[in-house]
Structures are given as C-alpha cells and as structure tokens.
Amino acid sequence: MQVGDLVRFKDISSRCQNGNRMFPEMDGRVGVVLSMHPCPSGNPMVITDLERRYLPGLTARGFNERYYEVVNASR
C-alpha cells in the first residue's frame, strides 16, 4: 500500500452494545490513500479522503492499515 492507491475500508472494529460496528458509515467505501505514518506504537497508519468526508474529527489520526484492502494500486 502506498500514497495514491485506491483502498476499500473494511470495518473490523469490535461490535458495540447495539450490535453494530464502530464505523458503519465507512464500511465498504472506496477512497484514496493521502498519507501514511507510523503511530507511537509503530503500527502503520493510513489516512484517506474517507476520513475527511465521513469522520472529520479523525483527519489527522487515520486507521491501522489492516482496515483497508487495496482495490487498485497506483503503480
């Protein structure tokens, strides 16, 4: 995965008390990787245009790369 790739978000978060996952508004949506960075614990984090559209409070944080699958590599 690299900047410019098209990726599909897959909500692998734990289920809430109501039975839904934490990010249903993004599940299955396709976005573009804008940047990548390691979090303090060293896990690779990915920021896409999806966070800007659906979760504006998380724009600088991103998600662990495990939440995404590459749909179309930009290579």
PDB file of N, CA and C in Angstrom:
ATOM      1  N   MET A   1       0.855  -1.180   0.000  1.00  0.00           N
ATOM      2  CA  MET A   1       0.000   0.000   0.000  1.00  0.00           C
ATOM      3  C   MET A   1       0.891   1.230   0.000  1.00  0.00           C
ATOM      4  N   GLN A   2       0.499   2.217  -0.817  1.00  0.00           N
ATOM      5  CA  GLN A   2       1.264   3.459  -0.876  1.00  0.00           C
ATOM      6  C   GLN A   2       0.321   4.615  -1.193  1.00  0.00           C
ATOM      7  N   VAL A   3       0.826   5.830  -1.036  1.00  0.00           N
ATOM      8  CA  VAL A   3       0.042   7.031  -1.327  1.00  0.00           C
ATOM      9  C   VAL A   3      -0.427   6.976  -2.777  1.00  0.00           C
ATOM     10  N   GLY A   4      -1.704   7.271  -2.986  1.00  0.00           N
ATOM     11  CA  GLY A   4      -2.291   7.251  -4.323  1.00  0.00           C
ATOM     12  C   GLY A   4      -3.088   5.999  -4.625  1.00  0.00           C
ATOM     13  N   ASP A   5      -2.925   4.937  -3.840  1.00  0.00           N
ATOM     14  CA  ASP A   5      -3.686   3.702  -4.055  1.00  0.00           C
ATOM     15  C   ASP A   5      -5.157   3.918  -3.729  1.00  0.00           C
ATOM     16  N   LEU A   6      -6.019   3.239  -4.484  1.00  0.00           N
ATOM     17  CA  LEU A   6      -7.439   3.174  -4.129  1.00  0.00           C
ATOM     18  C   LEU A   6      -7.602   2.026  -3.141  1.00  0.00           C
ATOM     19  N   VAL A   7      -8.268   2.291  -2.025  1.00  0.00           N
ATOM     20  CA  VAL A   7      -8.440   1.277  -0.986  1.00  0.00           C
ATOM     21  C   VAL A   7      -9.905   1.213  -0.545  1.00  0.00           C
ATOM     22  N   ARG A   8     -10.321   0.015  -0.141  1.00  0.00           N
ATOM     23  CA  ARG A   8     -11.673  -0.180   0.392  1.00  0.00           C
ATOM     24  C   ARG A   8     -11.569  -0.345   1.896  1.00  0.00           C
ATOM     25  N   PHE A   9     -12.387   0.409   2.626  1.00  0.00           N
ATOM     26  CA  PHE A   9     -12.414   0.323   4.089  1.00  0.00           C
ATOM     27  C   PHE A   9     -13.215  -0.901   4.489  1.00  0.00           C
ATOM     28  N   LYS A  10     -12.679  -1.691   5.402  1.00  0.00           N
ATOM     29  CA  LYS A  10     -13.418  -2.829   5.955  1.00  0.00           C
ATOM     30  C   LYS A  10     -13.446  -2.664   7.466  1.00  0.00           C
ATOM     31  N   ASP A  11     -14.629  -2.526   8.005  1.00  0.00           N
ATOM     32  CA  ASP A  11     -14.798  -2.250   9.434  1.00  0.00           C
ATOM     33  C   ASP A  11     -14.553  -3.531  10.233  1.00  0.00           C
ATOM     34  N   ILE A  12     -13.366  -3.640  10.804  1.00  0.00           N
ATOM     35  CA  ILE A  12     -13.005  -4.812  11.606  1.00  0.00           C
ATOM     36  C   ILE A  12     -13.028  -4.489  13.094  1.00  0.00           C
ATOM     37  N   SER A  13     -13.634  -3.357  13.455  1.00  0.00           N
ATOM     38  CA  SER A  13     -13.702  -2.946  14.856  1.00  0.00           C
ATOM     39  C   SER A  13     -14.628  -3.883  15.637  1.00  0.00           C
ATOM     40  N   SER A  14     -14.500  -3.839  16.943  1.00  0.00           N
ATOM     41  CA  SER A  14     -15.368  -4.635  17.809  1.00  0.00           C
ATOM     42  C   SER A  14     -16.799  -4.137  17.695  1.00  0.00           C
ATOM     43  N   ARG A  15     -17.719  -5.015  17.969  1.00  0.00           N
ATOM     44  CA  ARG A  15     -19.135  -4.628  17.932  1.00  0.00           C
ATOM     45  C   ARG A  15     -19.497  -3.852  19.194  1.00  0.00           C
ATOM     46  N   CYS A  16     -20.340  -2.836  19.023  1.00  0.00           N
ATOM     47  CA  CYS A  16     -20.833  -2.040  20.146  1.00  0.00           C
ATOM     48  C   CYS A  16     -21.977  -2.800  20.824  1.00  0.00           C
ATOM     49  N   GLN A  17     -22.502  -2.243  21.890  1.00  0.00           N
ATOM     50  CA  GLN A  17     -23.599  -2.881  22.612  1.00  0.00           C
ATOM     51  C   GLN A  17     -24.841  -3.082  21.742  1.00  0.00           C
ATOM     52  N   ASN A  18     -25.054  -2.211  20.776  1.00  0.00           N
ATOM     53  CA  ASN A  18     -26.224  -2.346  19.897  1.00  0.00           C
ATOM     54  C   ASN A  18     -26.002  -3.347  18.770  1.00  0.00           C
ATOM     55  N   GLY A  19     -24.826  -3.979  18.732  1.00  0.00           N
ATOM     56  CA  GLY A  19     -24.533  -4.992  17.719  1.00  0.00           C
ATOM     57  C   GLY A  19     -23.864  -4.464  16.469  1.00  0.00           C
ATOM     58  N   ASN A  20     -23.799  -3.152  16.307  1.00  0.00           N
ATOM     59  CA  ASN A  20     -23.150  -2.551  15.141  1.00  0.00           C
ATOM     60  C   ASN A  20     -21.664  -2.370  15.392  1.00  0.00           C
ATOM     61  N   ARG A  21     -20.920  -2.262  14.331  1.00  0.00           N
ATOM     62  CA  ARG A  21     -19.502  -1.945  14.451  1.00  0.00           C
ATOM     63  C   ARG A  21     -19.346  -0.438  14.645  1.00  0.00           C
ATOM     64  N   MET A  22     -18.127   0.021  14.902  1.00  0.00           N
ATOM     65  CA  MET A  22     -17.905   1.425  15.253  1.00  0.00           C
ATOM     66  C   MET A  22     -17.974   2.392  14.068  1.00  0.00           C
ATOM     67  N   PHE A  23     -17.686   1.924  12.844  1.00  0.00           N
ATOM     68  CA  PHE A  23     -17.613   2.828  11.697  1.00  0.00           C
ATOM     69  C   PHE A  23     -18.478   2.350  10.527  1.00  0.00           C
ATOM     70  N   PRO A  24     -19.776   2.125  10.749  1.00  0.00           N
ATOM     71  CA  PRO A  24     -20.628   1.613   9.654  1.00  0.00           C
ATOM     72  C   PRO A  24     -20.743   2.584   8.480  1.00  0.00           C
ATOM     73  N   GLU A  25     -20.582   3.885   8.725  1.00  0.00           N
ATOM     74  CA  GLU A  25     -20.697   4.867   7.638  1.00  0.00           C
ATOM     75  C   GLU A  25     -19.560   4.762   6.632  1.00  0.00           C
ATOM     76  N   MET A  26     -18.474   4.098   7.002  1.00  0.00           N
ATOM     77  CA  MET A  26     -17.334   3.966   6.086  1.00  0.00           C
ATOM     78  C   MET A  26     -17.177   2.555   5.529  1.00  0.00           C
ATOM     79  N   ASP A  27     -17.842   1.582   6.113  1.00  0.00           N
ATOM     80  CA  ASP A  27     -17.644   0.186   5.723  1.00  0.00           C
ATOM     81  C   ASP A  27     -17.950  -0.036   4.240  1.00  0.00           C
ATOM     82  N   GLY A  28     -16.996  -0.586   3.517  1.00  0.00           N
ATOM     83  CA  GLY A  28     -17.161  -0.892   2.104  1.00  0.00           C
ATOM     84  C   GLY A  28     -16.901   0.266   1.160  1.00  0.00           C
ATOM     85  N   ARG A  29     -16.695   1.457   1.684  1.00  0.00           N
ATOM     86  CA  ARG A  29     -16.451   2.616   0.815  1.00  0.00           C
ATOM     87  C   ARG A  29     -15.013   2.622   0.303  1.00  0.00           C
ATOM     88  N   VAL A  30     -14.844   3.173  -0.877  1.00  0.00           N
ATOM     89  CA  VAL A  30     -13.527   3.230  -1.520  1.00  0.00           C
ATOM     90  C   VAL A  30     -13.001   4.656  -1.449  1.00  0.00           C
ATOM     91  N   GLY A  31     -11.722   4.788  -1.111  1.00  0.00           N
ATOM     92  CA  GLY A  31     -11.089   6.095  -1.032  1.00  0.00           C
ATOM     93  C   GLY A  31      -9.662   6.043  -1.526  1.00  0.00           C
ATOM     94  N   VAL A  32      -9.002   7.189  -1.518  1.00  0.00           N
ATOM     95  CA  VAL A  32      -7.619   7.326  -1.979  1.00  0.00           C
ATOM     96  C   VAL A  32      -6.715   7.532  -0.769  1.00  0.00           C
ATOM     97  N   VAL A  33      -5.580   6.817  -0.742  1.00  0.00           N
ATOM     98  CA  VAL A  33      -4.601   6.991   0.330  1.00  0.00           C
ATOM     99  C   VAL A  33      -3.926   8.342   0.143  1.00  0.00           C
ATOM    100  N   LEU A  34      -4.053   9.215   1.166  1.00  0.00           N
ATOM    101  CA  LEU A  34      -3.442  10.544   1.114  1.00  0.00           C
ATOM    102  C   LEU A  34      -2.077  10.571   1.781  1.00  0.00           C
ATOM    103  N   SER A  35      -1.935   9.820   2.875  1.00  0.00           N
ATOM    104  CA  SER A  35      -0.647   9.752   3.559  1.00  0.00           C
ATOM    105  C   SER A  35      -0.602   8.520   4.447  1.00  0.00           C
ATOM    106  N   MET A  36       0.606   8.175   4.857  1.00  0.00           N
ATOM    107  CA  MET A  36       0.833   7.043   5.747  1.00  0.00           C
ATOM    108  C   MET A  36       1.888   7.459   6.758  1.00  0.00           C
ATOM    109  N   HIS A  37       1.755   6.958   7.995  1.00  0.00           N
ATOM    110  CA  HIS A  37       2.740   7.265   9.031  1.00  0.00           C
ATOM    111  C   HIS A  37       2.666   6.191  10.120  1.00  0.00           C
ATOM    112  N   PRO A  38       3.747   5.987  10.853  1.00  0.00           N
ATOM    113  CA  PRO A  38       3.687   5.046  11.980  1.00  0.00           C
ATOM    114  C   PRO A  38       3.099   5.748  13.203  1.00  0.00           C
ATOM    115  N   CYS A  39       2.241   5.040  13.944  1.00  0.00           N
ATOM    116  CA  CYS A  39       1.728   5.602  15.199  1.00  0.00           C
ATOM    117  C   CYS A  39       2.801   5.429  16.273  1.00  0.00           C
ATOM    118  N   PRO A  40       2.630   5.981  17.467  1.00  0.00           N
ATOM    119  CA  PRO A  40       3.655   5.879  18.515  1.00  0.00           C
ATOM    120  C   PRO A  40       4.067   4.438  18.853  1.00  0.00           C
ATOM    121  N   SER A  41       3.149   3.492  18.696  1.00  0.00           N
ATOM    122  CA  SER A  41       3.495   2.093  18.986  1.00  0.00           C
ATOM    123  C   SER A  41       4.125   1.400  17.783  1.00  0.00           C
ATOM    124  N   GLY A  42       4.265   2.117  16.664  1.00  0.00           N
ATOM    125  CA  GLY A  42       4.934   1.567  15.491  1.00  0.00           C
ATOM    126  C   GLY A  42       4.018   0.970  14.440  1.00  0.00           C
ATOM    127  N   ASN A  43       2.717   0.914  14.708  1.00  0.00           N
ATOM    128  CA  ASN A  43       1.789   0.363  13.721  1.00  0.00           C
ATOM    129  C   ASN A  43       1.618   1.328  12.546  1.00  0.00           C
ATOM    130  N   PRO A  44       1.546   0.795  11.327  1.00  0.00           N
ATOM    131  CA  PRO A  44       1.361   1.665  10.167  1.00  0.00           C
ATOM    132  C   PRO A  44      -0.060   2.209  10.110  1.00  0.00           C
ATOM    133  N   MET A  45      -0.168   3.527  10.017  1.00  0.00           N
ATOM    134  CA  MET A  45      -1.463   4.197   9.958  1.00  0.00           C
ATOM    135  C   MET A  45      -1.664   4.794   8.569  1.00  0.00           C
ATOM    136  N   VAL A  46      -2.903   4.772   8.109  1.00  0.00           N
ATOM    137  CA  VAL A  46      -3.246   5.245   6.771  1.00  0.00           C
ATOM    138  C   VAL A  46      -4.307   6.340   6.895  1.00  0.00           C
ATOM    139  N   ILE A  47      -4.092   7.430   6.195  1.00  0.00           N
ATOM    140  CA  ILE A  47      -5.087   8.499   6.129  1.00  0.00           C
ATOM    141  C   ILE A  47      -5.600   8.563   4.694  1.00  0.00           C
ATOM    142  N   THR A  48      -6.922   8.498   4.554  1.00  0.00           N
ATOM    143  CA  THR A  48      -7.534   8.563   3.226  1.00  0.00           C
ATOM    144  C   THR A  48      -8.509   9.743   3.162  1.00  0.00           C
ATOM    145  N   ASP A  49      -9.043   9.981   1.983  1.00  0.00           N
ATOM    146  CA  ASP A  49     -10.056  11.028   1.844  1.00  0.00           C
ATOM    147  C   ASP A  49     -11.364  10.621   2.517  1.00  0.00           C
ATOM    148  N   LEU A  50     -11.540   9.359   2.867  1.00  0.00           N
ATOM    149  CA  LEU A  50     -12.767   8.910   3.535  1.00  0.00           C
ATOM    150  C   LEU A  50     -12.927   9.546   4.905  1.00  0.00           C
ATOM    151  N   GLU A  51     -11.836   9.650   5.664  1.00  0.00           N
ATOM    152  CA  GLU A  51     -11.931  10.275   6.991  1.00  0.00           C
ATOM    153  C   GLU A  51     -12.388  11.723   6.875  1.00  0.00           C
ATOM    154  N   ARG A  52     -11.915  12.407   5.876  1.00  0.00           N
ATOM    155  CA  ARG A  52     -12.290  13.818   5.699  1.00  0.00           C
ATOM    156  C   ARG A  52     -13.770  13.959   5.375  1.00  0.00           C
ATOM    157  N   ARG A  53     -14.326  12.991   4.635  1.00  0.00           N
ATOM    158  CA  ARG A  53     -15.738  13.063   4.249  1.00  0.00           C
ATOM    159  C   ARG A  53     -16.682  12.558   5.326  1.00  0.00           C
ATOM    160  N   TYR A  54     -16.300  11.487   6.029  1.00  0.00           N
ATOM    161  CA  TYR A  54     -17.242  10.825   6.939  1.00  0.00           C
ATOM    162  C   TYR A  54     -16.908  10.966   8.421  1.00  0.00           C
ATOM    163  N   LEU A  55     -15.656  11.195   8.772  1.00  0.00           N
ATOM    164  CA  LEU A  55     -15.242  11.306  10.173  1.00  0.00           C
ATOM    165  C   LEU A  55     -14.317  12.500  10.342  1.00  0.00           C
ATOM    166  N   PRO A  56     -14.802  13.711  10.219  1.00  0.00           N
ATOM    167  CA  PRO A  56     -13.932  14.890  10.222  1.00  0.00           C
ATOM    168  C   PRO A  56     -13.076  15.045  11.478  1.00  0.00           C
ATOM    169  N   GLY A  57     -13.459  14.473  12.595  1.00  0.00           N
ATOM    170  CA  GLY A  57     -12.655  14.581  13.814  1.00  0.00           C
ATOM    171  C   GLY A  57     -11.409  13.715  13.809  1.00  0.00           C
ATOM    172  N   LEU A  58     -11.309  12.781  12.852  1.00  0.00           N
ATOM    173  CA  LEU A  58     -10.165  11.859  12.814  1.00  0.00           C
ATOM    174  C   LEU A  58      -9.214  12.143  11.663  1.00  0.00           C
ATOM    175  N   THR A  59      -9.261  13.310  11.082  1.00  0.00           N
ATOM    176  CA  THR A  59      -8.483  13.558   9.863  1.00  0.00           C
ATOM    177  C   THR A  59      -6.983  13.431  10.062  1.00  0.00           C
ATOM    178  N   ALA A  60      -6.464  13.697  11.239  1.00  0.00           N
ATOM    179  CA  ALA A  60      -5.016  13.618  11.442  1.00  0.00           C
ATOM    180  C   ALA A  60      -4.584  12.272  12.002  1.00  0.00           C
ATOM    181  N   ARG A  61      -5.519  11.449  12.404  1.00  0.00           N
ATOM    182  CA  ARG A  61      -5.191  10.188  13.049  1.00  0.00           C
ATOM    183  C   ARG A  61      -5.093   9.049  12.051  1.00  0.00           C
ATOM    184  N   GLY A  62      -6.137   8.835  11.271  1.00  0.00           N
ATOM    185  CA  GLY A  62      -6.183   7.740  10.326  1.00  0.00           C
ATOM    186  C   GLY A  62      -6.535   6.420  11.000  1.00  0.00           C
ATOM    187  N   PHE A  63      -6.391   5.337  10.252  1.00  0.00           N
ATOM    188  CA  PHE A  63      -6.689   3.998  10.730  1.00  0.00           C
ATOM    189  C   PHE A  63      -5.512   3.080  10.461  1.00  0.00           C
ATOM    190  N   ASN A  64      -5.415   2.027  11.254  1.00  0.00           N
ATOM    191  CA  ASN A  64      -4.408   0.998  11.024  1.00  0.00           C
ATOM    192  C   ASN A  64      -4.610   0.447   9.617  1.00  0.00           C
ATOM    193  N   GLU A  65      -3.522   0.099   8.941  1.00  0.00           N
ATOM    194  CA  GLU A  65      -3.639  -0.366   7.562  1.00  0.00           C
ATOM    195  C   GLU A  65      -4.453  -1.651   7.435  1.00  0.00           C
ATOM    196  N   ARG A  66      -4.671  -2.376   8.532  1.00  0.00           N
ATOM    197  CA  ARG A  66      -5.495  -3.593   8.484  1.00  0.00           C
ATOM    198  C   ARG A  66      -6.951  -3.287   8.142  1.00  0.00           C
ATOM    199  N   TYR A  67      -7.377  -2.039   8.312  1.00  0.00           N
ATOM    200  CA  TYR A  67      -8.753  -1.653   7.992  1.00  0.00           C
ATOM    201  C   TYR A  67      -8.967  -1.462   6.495  1.00  0.00           C
ATOM    202  N   TYR A  68      -7.930  -1.563   5.699  1.00  0.00           N
ATOM    203  CA  TYR A  68      -8.042  -1.298   4.266  1.00  0.00           C
ATOM    204  C   TYR A  68      -7.543  -2.468   3.433  1.00  0.00           C
ATOM    205  N   GLU A  69      -8.152  -2.616   2.265  1.00  0.00           N
ATOM    206  CA  GLU A  69      -7.632  -3.534   1.263  1.00  0.00           C
ATOM    207  C   GLU A  69      -7.432  -2.725  -0.017  1.00  0.00           C
ATOM    208  N   VAL A  70      -6.339  -2.985  -0.701  1.00  0.00           N
ATOM    209  CA  VAL A  70      -6.018  -2.243  -1.918  1.00  0.00           C
ATOM    210  C   VAL A  70      -6.944  -2.716  -3.035  1.00  0.00           C
ATOM    211  N   VAL A  71      -7.628  -1.773  -3.667  1.00  0.00           N
ATOM    212  CA  VAL A  71      -8.536  -2.074  -4.774  1.00  0.00           C
ATOM    213  C   VAL A  71      -7.800  -1.904  -6.097  1.00  0.00           C
ATOM    214  N   ASN A  72      -7.040  -0.819  -6.206  1.00  0.00           N
ATOM    215  CA  ASN A  72      -6.323  -0.528  -7.443  1.00  0.00           C
ATOM    216  C   ASN A  72      -5.035   0.183  -7.082  1.00  0.00           C
ATOM    217  N   ALA A  73      -3.928  -0.514  -7.207  1.00  0.00           N
ATOM    218  CA  ALA A  73      -2.633   0.080  -6.876  1.00  0.00           C
ATOM    219  C   ALA A  73      -2.296   1.190  -7.862  1.00  0.00           C
ATOM    220  N   SER A  74      -1.638   2.235  -7.375  1.00  0.00           N
ATOM    221  CA  SER A  74      -1.314   3.385  -8.215  1.00  0.00           C
ATOM    222  C   SER A  74      -0.040   3.206  -9.019  1.00  0.00           C
ATOM    223  N   ARG A  75       0.548   2.061  -8.981  1.00  0.00           N
ATOM    224  CA  ARG A  75       1.821   1.828  -9.657  1.00  0.00           C
ATOM    225  C   ARG A  75       1.688   1.785 -11.149  1.00  0.00           C
TER     226      ARG A  75
END
